[in-house]
Every structure is written in structure tokens, then in C-alpha cells.
Amino acid sequence: MGAIYYGFNIKKYFVEVIHMVMLKGSGFMDILPHLLKTSLFAIIMNGLAVWRYKKTT
């Protein structure tokens, strides 16, 4: 399972978004690529969790 998201560090995108908004005053369009990557990761991981949960019960 670790090989699926190896190299994708979710904390990195979160810290970059906070840095961009708080220090640089970036707008929504500036942080949109980071939000899309984070949202995609969340959707995939939640989908896998639901799939695995259904499989065990």
C-alpha cells in the first residue's frame, strides 16, 4: 500500500498553502493546484478505505 502514494507528502502541500496565504497573501487561484492535489488524494484514500471496509464485513 505504501508504494501507491510514495513520494506524495500531504504535509508539504498543506505547509505550502499556509505559507502562500499567510506570508504572501496569495488568492484562491494561486493555491488551487495544491487544493486539487490534496482533494484528489483525500478522495482516493477515502475510497480505498471504504472499499477495504466493505471487503472485511
Protein backbone atom coordinates (compact mmCIF):
# COMPACT_ATOMS: atom_id res chain seq x y z
CA MET A 1 0.00 0.00 0.00
CA GLY A 2 2.87 2.38 0.71
CA ALA A 3 4.07 2.20 -2.89
CA ILE A 4 0.84 3.76 -4.17
CA TYR A 5 1.44 7.18 -2.66
CA TYR A 6 5.20 7.00 -2.22
CA GLY A 7 6.65 10.44 -2.78
CA PHE A 8 3.37 12.28 -2.22
CA ASN A 9 3.75 14.19 1.01
CA ILE A 10 0.40 15.67 2.02
CA LYS A 11 2.01 17.78 4.74
CA LYS A 12 4.19 19.51 2.14
CA TYR A 13 1.16 20.82 0.24
CA PHE A 14 -0.56 21.94 3.43
CA VAL A 15 2.51 23.88 4.60
CA GLU A 16 2.94 25.46 1.16
CA VAL A 17 -0.69 26.61 1.12
CA ILE A 18 -0.40 28.11 4.61
CA HIS A 19 2.85 29.83 3.61
CA MET A 20 1.34 31.21 0.41
CA VAL A 21 -1.78 32.54 2.12
CA MET A 22 -0.31 33.88 5.36
CA LEU A 23 3.03 35.27 4.17
CA LYS A 24 2.49 36.07 0.51
CA GLY A 25 -1.21 36.96 0.56
CA SER A 26 -1.99 34.53 -2.25
CA GLY A 27 -5.53 34.22 -3.53
CA PHE A 28 -7.71 31.23 -4.30
CA MET A 29 -6.41 30.82 -7.85
CA ASP A 30 -2.83 30.69 -6.57
CA ILE A 31 -3.49 27.83 -4.17
CA LEU A 32 -5.94 25.96 -6.42
CA PRO A 33 -3.35 23.45 -7.79
CA HIS A 34 -2.37 22.48 -4.23
CA LEU A 35 -6.01 22.15 -3.19
CA LEU A 36 -6.77 19.95 -6.19
CA LYS A 37 -3.86 17.62 -5.42
CA THR A 38 -4.87 17.40 -1.78
CA SER A 39 -8.54 16.81 -2.64
CA LEU A 40 -7.66 14.10 -5.14
CA PHE A 41 -5.51 12.38 -2.54
CA ALA A 42 -8.34 12.56 0.02
CA ILE A 43 -10.88 11.14 -2.43
CA ILE A 44 -8.61 8.25 -3.39
CA MET A 45 -7.65 7.39 0.19
CA ASN A 46 -11.25 7.58 1.43
CA GLY A 47 -12.40 5.46 -1.49
CA LEU A 48 -9.80 2.82 -0.69
CA ALA A 49 -10.79 2.90 2.99
CA VAL A 50 -14.47 2.34 2.16
CA TRP A 51 -13.61 -0.41 -0.30
CA ARG A 52 -11.43 -2.20 2.23
CA TYR A 53 -14.02 -1.81 4.99
CA LYS A 54 -16.76 -3.30 2.83
CA LYS A 55 -14.46 -6.17 1.92
CA THR A 56 -13.91 -7.19 5.57
CA THR A 57 -17.54 -7.16 6.74
